[in-house]
Structures are given as structure tokens and as C-alpha cells.
PDB file of all heavy atoms in Angstrom:
ATOM      1  N   ALA A   1     127.439 113.169 137.092  1.00  0.00           N
ATOM      2  CA  ALA A   1     127.108 114.556 137.448  1.00  0.00           C
ATOM      3  C   ALA A   1     128.156 115.471 136.839  1.00  0.00           C
ATOM      4  O   ALA A   1     128.994 116.039 137.535  1.00  0.00           O
ATOM      5  CB  ALA A   1     127.050 114.718 138.965  1.00  0.00           C
ATOM      6  N   ARG A   2     128.114 115.605 135.530  1.00  0.00           N
ATOM      7  CA  ARG A   2     129.094 116.430 134.830  1.00  0.00           C
ATOM      8  C   ARG A   2     128.598 117.863 134.729  1.00  0.00           C
ATOM      9  O   ARG A   2     127.466 118.109 134.364  1.00  0.00           O
ATOM     10  CB  ARG A   2     129.350 115.874 133.439  1.00  0.00           C
ATOM     11  CG  ARG A   2     129.986 114.506 133.490  1.00  0.00           C
ATOM     12  CD  ARG A   2     130.531 114.102 132.134  1.00  0.00           C
ATOM     13  NE  ARG A   2     131.069 112.767 132.179  1.00  0.00           N
ATOM     14  CZ  ARG A   2     132.315 112.472 132.532  1.00  0.00           C
ATOM     15  NH1 ARG A   2     133.144 113.426 132.861  1.00  0.00           N
ATOM     16  NH2 ARG A   2     132.726 111.227 132.544  1.00  0.00           N
ATOM     17  N   GLY A   3     129.460 118.788 135.074  1.00  0.00           N
ATOM     18  CA  GLY A   3     129.122 120.207 135.001  1.00  0.00           C
ATOM     19  C   GLY A   3     128.568 120.715 136.312  1.00  0.00           C
ATOM     20  O   GLY A   3     127.807 120.025 136.988  1.00  0.00           O
ATOM     21  N   SER A   4     128.945 121.911 136.673  1.00  0.00           N
ATOM     22  CA  SER A   4     128.566 122.448 137.986  1.00  0.00           C
ATOM     23  C   SER A   4     127.065 122.667 138.114  1.00  0.00           C
ATOM     24  O   SER A   4     126.490 122.421 139.178  1.00  0.00           O
ATOM     25  CB  SER A   4     129.328 123.738 138.278  1.00  0.00           C
ATOM     26  OG  SER A   4     129.033 124.722 137.317  1.00  0.00           O
ATOM     27  N   ASN A   5     126.390 123.099 137.054  1.00  0.00           N
ATOM     28  CA  ASN A   5     124.950 123.330 137.132  1.00  0.00           C
ATOM     29  C   ASN A   5     124.214 122.005 137.330  1.00  0.00           C
ATOM     30  O   ASN A   5     123.321 121.903 138.176  1.00  0.00           O
ATOM     31  CB  ASN A   5     124.448 124.051 135.878  1.00  0.00           C
ATOM     32  CG  ASN A   5     122.981 124.366 135.975  1.00  0.00           C
ATOM     33  OD1 ASN A   5     122.150 123.588 135.530  1.00  0.00           O
ATOM     34  ND2 ASN A   5     122.666 125.503 136.571  1.00  0.00           N
ATOM     35  N   ARG A   6     124.566 120.994 136.564  1.00  0.00           N
ATOM     36  CA  ARG A   6     123.928 119.683 136.692  1.00  0.00           C
ATOM     37  C   ARG A   6     124.217 119.077 138.072  1.00  0.00           C
ATOM     38  O   ARG A   6     123.328 118.527 138.719  1.00  0.00           O
ATOM     39  CB  ARG A   6     124.412 118.744 135.575  1.00  0.00           C
ATOM     40  CG  ARG A   6     123.811 117.358 135.631  1.00  0.00           C
ATOM     41  CD  ARG A   6     122.339 117.367 135.318  1.00  0.00           C
ATOM     42  NE  ARG A   6     121.830 116.006 135.259  1.00  0.00           N
ATOM     43  CZ  ARG A   6     120.595 115.673 135.553  1.00  0.00           C
ATOM     44  NH1 ARG A   6     119.717 116.605 135.876  1.00  0.00           N
ATOM     45  NH2 ARG A   6     120.200 114.421 135.496  1.00  0.00           N
ATOM     46  N   ARG A   7     125.450 119.193 138.526  1.00  0.00           N
ATOM     47  CA  ARG A   7     125.820 118.669 139.835  1.00  0.00           C
ATOM     48  C   ARG A   7     124.992 119.358 140.931  1.00  0.00           C
ATOM     49  O   ARG A   7     124.510 118.713 141.849  1.00  0.00           O
ATOM     50  CB  ARG A   7     127.323 118.855 140.072  1.00  0.00           C
ATOM     51  CG  ARG A   7     127.863 118.060 141.218  1.00  0.00           C
ATOM     52  CD  ARG A   7     129.380 117.943 141.244  1.00  0.00           C
ATOM     53  NE  ARG A   7     130.131 119.057 140.730  1.00  0.00           N
ATOM     54  CZ  ARG A   7     130.740 119.079 139.530  1.00  0.00           C
ATOM     55  NH1 ARG A   7     130.706 118.032 138.738  1.00  0.00           N
ATOM     56  NH2 ARG A   7     131.405 120.138 139.138  1.00  0.00           N
ATOM     57  N   PHE A   8     124.798 120.673 140.820  1.00  0.00           N
ATOM     58  CA  PHE A   8     123.992 121.414 141.792  1.00  0.00           C
ATOM     59  C   PHE A   8     122.550 120.905 141.792  1.00  0.00           C
ATOM     60  O   PHE A   8     121.977 120.659 142.854  1.00  0.00           O
ATOM     61  CB  PHE A   8     124.015 122.920 141.486  1.00  0.00           C
ATOM     62  CG  PHE A   8     123.167 123.716 142.430  1.00  0.00           C
ATOM     63  CD1 PHE A   8     123.676 124.145 143.643  1.00  0.00           C
ATOM     64  CD2 PHE A   8     121.846 124.010 142.117  1.00  0.00           C
ATOM     65  CE1 PHE A   8     122.889 124.875 144.528  1.00  0.00           C
ATOM     66  CE2 PHE A   8     121.056 124.730 142.997  1.00  0.00           C
ATOM     67  CZ  PHE A   8     121.574 125.161 144.202  1.00  0.00           C
ATOM     68  N   ARG A   9     121.961 120.749 140.605  1.00  0.00           N
ATOM     69  CA  ARG A   9     120.570 120.276 140.506  1.00  0.00           C
ATOM     70  C   ARG A   9     120.419 118.876 141.097  1.00  0.00           C
ATOM     71  O   ARG A   9     119.458 118.586 141.798  1.00  0.00           O
ATOM     72  CB  ARG A   9     120.098 120.289 139.058  1.00  0.00           C
ATOM     73  CG  ARG A   9     119.852 121.696 138.541  1.00  0.00           C
ATOM     74  CD  ARG A   9     119.250 121.684 137.193  1.00  0.00           C
ATOM     75  NE  ARG A   9     118.189 120.680 137.156  1.00  0.00           N
ATOM     76  CZ  ARG A   9     117.323 120.553 136.177  1.00  0.00           C
ATOM     77  NH1 ARG A   9     117.391 121.342 135.161  1.00  0.00           N
ATOM     78  NH2 ARG A   9     116.403 119.624 136.214  1.00  0.00           N
ATOM     79  N   LEU A  10     121.379 117.998 140.803  1.00  0.00           N
ATOM     80  CA  LEU A  10     121.322 116.638 141.347  1.00  0.00           C
ATOM     81  C   LEU A  10     121.514 116.635 142.858  1.00  0.00           C
ATOM     82  O   LEU A  10     120.838 115.895 143.581  1.00  0.00           O
ATOM     83  CB  LEU A  10     122.363 115.748 140.674  1.00  0.00           C
ATOM     84  CG  LEU A  10     122.055 115.378 139.220  1.00  0.00           C
ATOM     85  CD1 LEU A  10     123.269 114.727 138.570  1.00  0.00           C
ATOM     86  CD2 LEU A  10     120.839 114.457 139.146  1.00  0.00           C
ATOM     87  N   LEU A  11     122.416 117.460 143.350  1.00  0.00           N
ATOM     88  CA  LEU A  11     122.648 117.550 144.786  1.00  0.00           C
ATOM     89  C   LEU A  11     121.398 118.059 145.504  1.00  0.00           C
ATOM     90  O   LEU A  11     120.985 117.503 146.527  1.00  0.00           O
ATOM     91  CB  LEU A  11     123.841 118.468 145.068  1.00  0.00           C
ATOM     92  CG  LEU A  11     124.276 118.612 146.517  1.00  0.00           C
ATOM     93  CD1 LEU A  11     124.615 117.267 147.136  1.00  0.00           C
ATOM     94  CD2 LEU A  11     125.474 119.544 146.596  1.00  0.00           C
ATOM     95  N   ALA A  12     120.757 119.083 144.967  1.00  0.00           N
ATOM     96  CA  ALA A  12     119.528 119.608 145.557  1.00  0.00           C
ATOM     97  C   ALA A  12     118.430 118.541 145.555  1.00  0.00           C
ATOM     98  O   ALA A  12     117.723 118.366 146.552  1.00  0.00           O
ATOM     99  CB  ALA A  12     119.065 120.856 144.802  1.00  0.00           C
ATOM    100  N   ALA A  13     118.317 117.809 144.453  1.00  0.00           N
ATOM    101  CA  ALA A  13     117.314 116.743 144.363  1.00  0.00           C
ATOM    102  C   ALA A  13     117.627 115.610 145.340  1.00  0.00           C
ATOM    103  O   ALA A  13     116.716 115.022 145.930  1.00  0.00           O
ATOM    104  CB  ALA A  13     117.232 116.217 142.930  1.00  0.00           C
ATOM    105  N   ALA A  14     118.905 115.289 145.525  1.00  0.00           N
ATOM    106  CA  ALA A  14     119.303 114.221 146.454  1.00  0.00           C
ATOM    107  C   ALA A  14     118.918 114.585 147.887  1.00  0.00           C
ATOM    108  O   ALA A  14     118.380 113.757 148.630  1.00  0.00           O
ATOM    109  CB  ALA A  14     120.806 113.962 146.357  1.00  0.00           C
ATOM    110  N   ILE A  15     119.180 115.814 148.269  1.00  0.00           N
ATOM    111  CA  ILE A  15     118.835 116.259 149.620  1.00  0.00           C
ATOM    112  C   ILE A  15     117.321 116.262 149.796  1.00  0.00           C
ATOM    113  O   ILE A  15     116.799 115.786 150.818  1.00  0.00           O
ATOM    114  CB  ILE A  15     119.473 117.629 149.916  1.00  0.00           C
ATOM    115  CG1 ILE A  15     120.997 117.465 150.000  1.00  0.00           C
ATOM    116  CG2 ILE A  15     118.899 118.233 151.203  1.00  0.00           C
ATOM    117  CD1 ILE A  15     121.763 118.776 150.017  1.00  0.00           C
ATOM    118  N   ALA A  16     116.593 116.759 148.793  1.00  0.00           N
ATOM    119  CA  ALA A  16     115.130 116.772 148.865  1.00  0.00           C
ATOM    120  C   ALA A  16     114.554 115.359 148.933  1.00  0.00           C
ATOM    121  O   ALA A  16     113.520 115.138 149.570  1.00  0.00           O
ATOM    122  CB  ALA A  16     114.561 117.519 147.656  1.00  0.00           C
ATOM    123  N   ALA A  17     115.233 114.386 148.312  1.00  0.00           N
ATOM    124  CA  ALA A  17     114.765 112.993 148.314  1.00  0.00           C
ATOM    125  C   ALA A  17     115.111 112.276 149.617  1.00  0.00           C
ATOM    126  O   ALA A  17     114.717 111.129 149.810  1.00  0.00           O
ATOM    127  CB  ALA A  17     115.367 112.242 147.127  1.00  0.00           C
ATOM    128  N   GLY A  18     115.869 112.932 150.490  1.00  0.00           N
ATOM    129  CA  GLY A  18     116.166 112.356 151.791  1.00  0.00           C
ATOM    130  C   GLY A  18     117.503 111.662 151.923  1.00  0.00           C
ATOM    131  O   GLY A  18     117.765 111.012 152.938  1.00  0.00           O
ATOM    132  N   PHE A  19     118.370 111.800 150.928  1.00  0.00           N
ATOM    133  CA  PHE A  19     119.714 111.228 151.080  1.00  0.00           C
ATOM    134  C   PHE A  19     120.476 112.036 152.119  1.00  0.00           C
ATOM    135  O   PHE A  19     120.499 113.261 152.068  1.00  0.00           O
ATOM    136  CB  PHE A  19     120.480 111.244 149.748  1.00  0.00           C
ATOM    137  CG  PHE A  19     120.079 110.133 148.820  1.00  0.00           C
ATOM    138  CD1 PHE A  19     119.264 110.395 147.732  1.00  0.00           C
ATOM    139  CD2 PHE A  19     120.509 108.836 149.037  1.00  0.00           C
ATOM    140  CE1 PHE A  19     118.881 109.377 146.870  1.00  0.00           C
ATOM    141  CE2 PHE A  19     120.139 107.807 148.184  1.00  0.00           C
ATOM    142  CZ  PHE A  19     119.325 108.077 147.104  1.00  0.00           C
ATOM    143  N   THR A  20     121.107 111.343 153.066  1.00  0.00           N
ATOM    144  CA  THR A  20     121.863 112.010 154.127  1.00  0.00           C
ATOM    145  C   THR A  20     123.328 111.598 154.131  1.00  0.00           C
ATOM    146  O   THR A  20     124.073 111.938 155.049  1.00  0.00           O
ATOM    147  CB  THR A  20     121.254 111.716 155.511  1.00  0.00           C
ATOM    148  OG1 THR A  20     121.245 110.300 155.722  1.00  0.00           O
ATOM    149  CG2 THR A  20     119.851 112.281 155.623  1.00  0.00           C
ATOM    150  N   ARG A  21     123.743 110.852 153.100  1.00  0.00           N
ATOM    151  CA  ARG A  21     125.146 110.458 152.918  1.00  0.00           C
ATOM    152  C   ARG A  21     125.474 110.688 151.446  1.00  0.00           C
ATOM    153  O   ARG A  21     125.007 109.949 150.583  1.00  0.00           O
ATOM    154  CB  ARG A  21     125.352 108.983 153.290  1.00  0.00           C
ATOM    155  CG  ARG A  21     125.174 108.714 154.770  1.00  0.00           C
ATOM    156  CD  ARG A  21     125.459 107.267 155.133  1.00  0.00           C
ATOM    157  NE  ARG A  21     126.648 106.734 154.494  1.00  0.00           N
ATOM    158  CZ  ARG A  21     127.908 106.955 154.883  1.00  0.00           C
ATOM    159  NH1 ARG A  21     128.154 107.717 155.923  1.00  0.00           N
ATOM    160  NH2 ARG A  21     128.924 106.413 154.237  1.00  0.00           N
ATOM    161  N   ILE A  22     126.256 111.729 151.171  1.00  0.00           N
ATOM    162  CA  ILE A  22     126.524 112.134 149.793  1.00  0.00           C
ATOM    163  C   ILE A  22     128.011 112.411 149.618  1.00  0.00           C
ATOM    164  O   ILE A  22     128.611 113.136 150.400  1.00  0.00           O
ATOM    165  CB  ILE A  22     125.719 113.411 149.435  1.00  0.00           C
ATOM    166  CG1 ILE A  22     124.214 113.148 149.613  1.00  0.00           C
ATOM    167  CG2 ILE A  22     126.040 113.865 148.015  1.00  0.00           C
ATOM    168  CD1 ILE A  22     123.355 114.392 149.511  1.00  0.00           C
ATOM    169  N   GLY A  23     128.579 111.825 148.577  1.00  0.00           N
ATOM    170  CA  GLY A  23     129.957 112.103 148.201  1.00  0.00           C
ATOM    171  C   GLY A  23     129.960 112.854 146.880  1.00  0.00           C
ATOM    172  O   GLY A  23     129.186 112.528 145.979  1.00  0.00           O
ATOM    173  N   ILE A  24     130.817 113.857 146.761  1.00  0.00           N
ATOM    174  CA  ILE A  24     130.866 114.676 145.548  1.00  0.00           C
ATOM    175  C   ILE A  24     132.209 114.484 144.864  1.00  0.00           C
ATOM    176  O   ILE A  24     133.260 114.730 145.445  1.00  0.00           O
ATOM    177  CB  ILE A  24     130.664 116.172 145.881  1.00  0.00           C
ATOM    178  CG1 ILE A  24     129.321 116.370 146.584  1.00  0.00           C
ATOM    179  CG2 ILE A  24     130.751 117.013 144.606  1.00  0.00           C
ATOM    180  CD1 ILE A  24     129.099 117.775 147.098  1.00  0.00           C
ATOM    181  N   GLY A  25     132.145 114.032 143.620  1.00  0.00           N
ATOM    182  CA  GLY A  25     133.337 113.887 142.796  1.00  0.00           C
ATOM    183  C   GLY A  25     133.294 114.876 141.648  1.00  0.00           C
ATOM    184  O   GLY A  25     132.305 115.589 141.458  1.00  0.00           O
ATOM    185  N   GLN A  26     134.339 114.902 140.884  1.00  0.00           N
ATOM    186  CA  GLN A  26     134.413 115.848 139.766  1.00  0.00           C
ATOM    187  C   GLN A  26     133.352 115.561 138.701  1.00  0.00           C
ATOM    188  O   GLN A  26     132.838 116.471 138.083  1.00  0.00           O
ATOM    189  CB  GLN A  26     135.805 115.791 139.153  1.00  0.00           C
ATOM    190  CG  GLN A  26     136.103 116.952 138.254  1.00  0.00           C
ATOM    191  CD  GLN A  26     137.586 117.060 137.957  1.00  0.00           C
ATOM    192  OE1 GLN A  26     138.385 116.221 138.344  1.00  0.00           O
ATOM    193  NE2 GLN A  26     137.951 118.096 137.262  1.00  0.00           N
ATOM    194  N   SER A  27     133.015 114.292 138.509  1.00  0.00           N
ATOM    195  CA  SER A  27     132.048 113.953 137.469  1.00  0.00           C
ATOM    196  C   SER A  27     130.936 113.028 137.973  1.00  0.00           C
ATOM    197  O   SER A  27     130.204 112.464 137.178  1.00  0.00           O
ATOM    198  CB  SER A  27     132.768 113.277 136.298  1.00  0.00           C
ATOM    199  OG  SER A  27     133.380 112.070 136.738  1.00  0.00           O
ATOM    200  N   PHE A  28     130.804 112.877 139.290  1.00  0.00           N
ATOM    201  CA  PHE A  28     129.784 111.974 139.822  1.00  0.00           C
ATOM    202  C   PHE A  28     129.364 112.380 141.232  1.00  0.00           C
ATOM    203  O   PHE A  28     130.042 113.160 141.906  1.00  0.00           O
ATOM    204  CB  PHE A  28     130.301 110.525 139.856  1.00  0.00           C
ATOM    205  CG  PHE A  28     131.366 110.283 140.897  1.00  0.00           C
ATOM    206  CD1 PHE A  28     131.032 109.757 142.135  1.00  0.00           C
ATOM    207  CD2 PHE A  28     132.698 110.588 140.650  1.00  0.00           C
ATOM    208  CE1 PHE A  28     132.009 109.541 143.106  1.00  0.00           C
ATOM    209  CE2 PHE A  28     133.680 110.367 141.602  1.00  0.00           C
ATOM    210  CZ  PHE A  28     133.331 109.848 142.844  1.00  0.00           C
ATOM    211  N   LEU A  29     128.235 111.847 141.656  1.00  0.00           N
ATOM    212  CA  LEU A  29     127.792 111.923 143.045  1.00  0.00           C
ATOM    213  C   LEU A  29     127.653 110.506 143.565  1.00  0.00           C
ATOM    214  O   LEU A  29     127.133 109.636 142.860  1.00  0.00           O
ATOM    215  CB  LEU A  29     126.430 112.613 143.169  1.00  0.00           C
ATOM    216  CG  LEU A  29     126.327 114.092 142.855  1.00  0.00           C
ATOM    217  CD1 LEU A  29     124.885 114.567 143.032  1.00  0.00           C
ATOM    218  CD2 LEU A  29     127.255 114.904 143.748  1.00  0.00           C
ATOM    219  N   HIS A  30     128.105 110.262 144.782  1.00  0.00           N
ATOM    220  CA  HIS A  30     127.886 109.005 145.477  1.00  0.00           C
ATOM    221  C   HIS A  30     126.694 109.254 146.399  1.00  0.00           C
ATOM    222  O   HIS A  30     126.676 110.240 147.149  1.00  0.00           O
ATOM    223  CB  HIS A  30     129.121 108.621 146.306  1.00  0.00           C
ATOM    224  CG  HIS A  30     128.852 107.524 147.284  1.00  0.00           C
ATOM    225  ND1 HIS A  30     129.102 106.212 147.001  1.00  0.00           N
ATOM    226  CD2 HIS A  30     128.331 107.555 148.538  1.00  0.00           C
ATOM    227  CE1 HIS A  30     128.758 105.466 148.046  1.00  0.00           C
ATOM    228  NE2 HIS A  30     128.290 106.270 148.996  1.00  0.00           N
TER     229      HIS A  30
END
């Protein structure tokens, strides 16, 4: 998840997909 725009899009998609445990790193999402 490199870049703030991409990280935002992935985070929004993760929440919409039902993930309820998310870790945010500088270049990745857990």
C-alpha cells in the first residue's frame, strides 16, 4: 500500500469487504 491515495483506496475497500482488524504501515496494510 504505497502512497497515501492508494492506501486510502485499499483501506476503504478493506472496510467495505468486512475486514474488522486492520494494521496500517508506511508501505503496507495488515
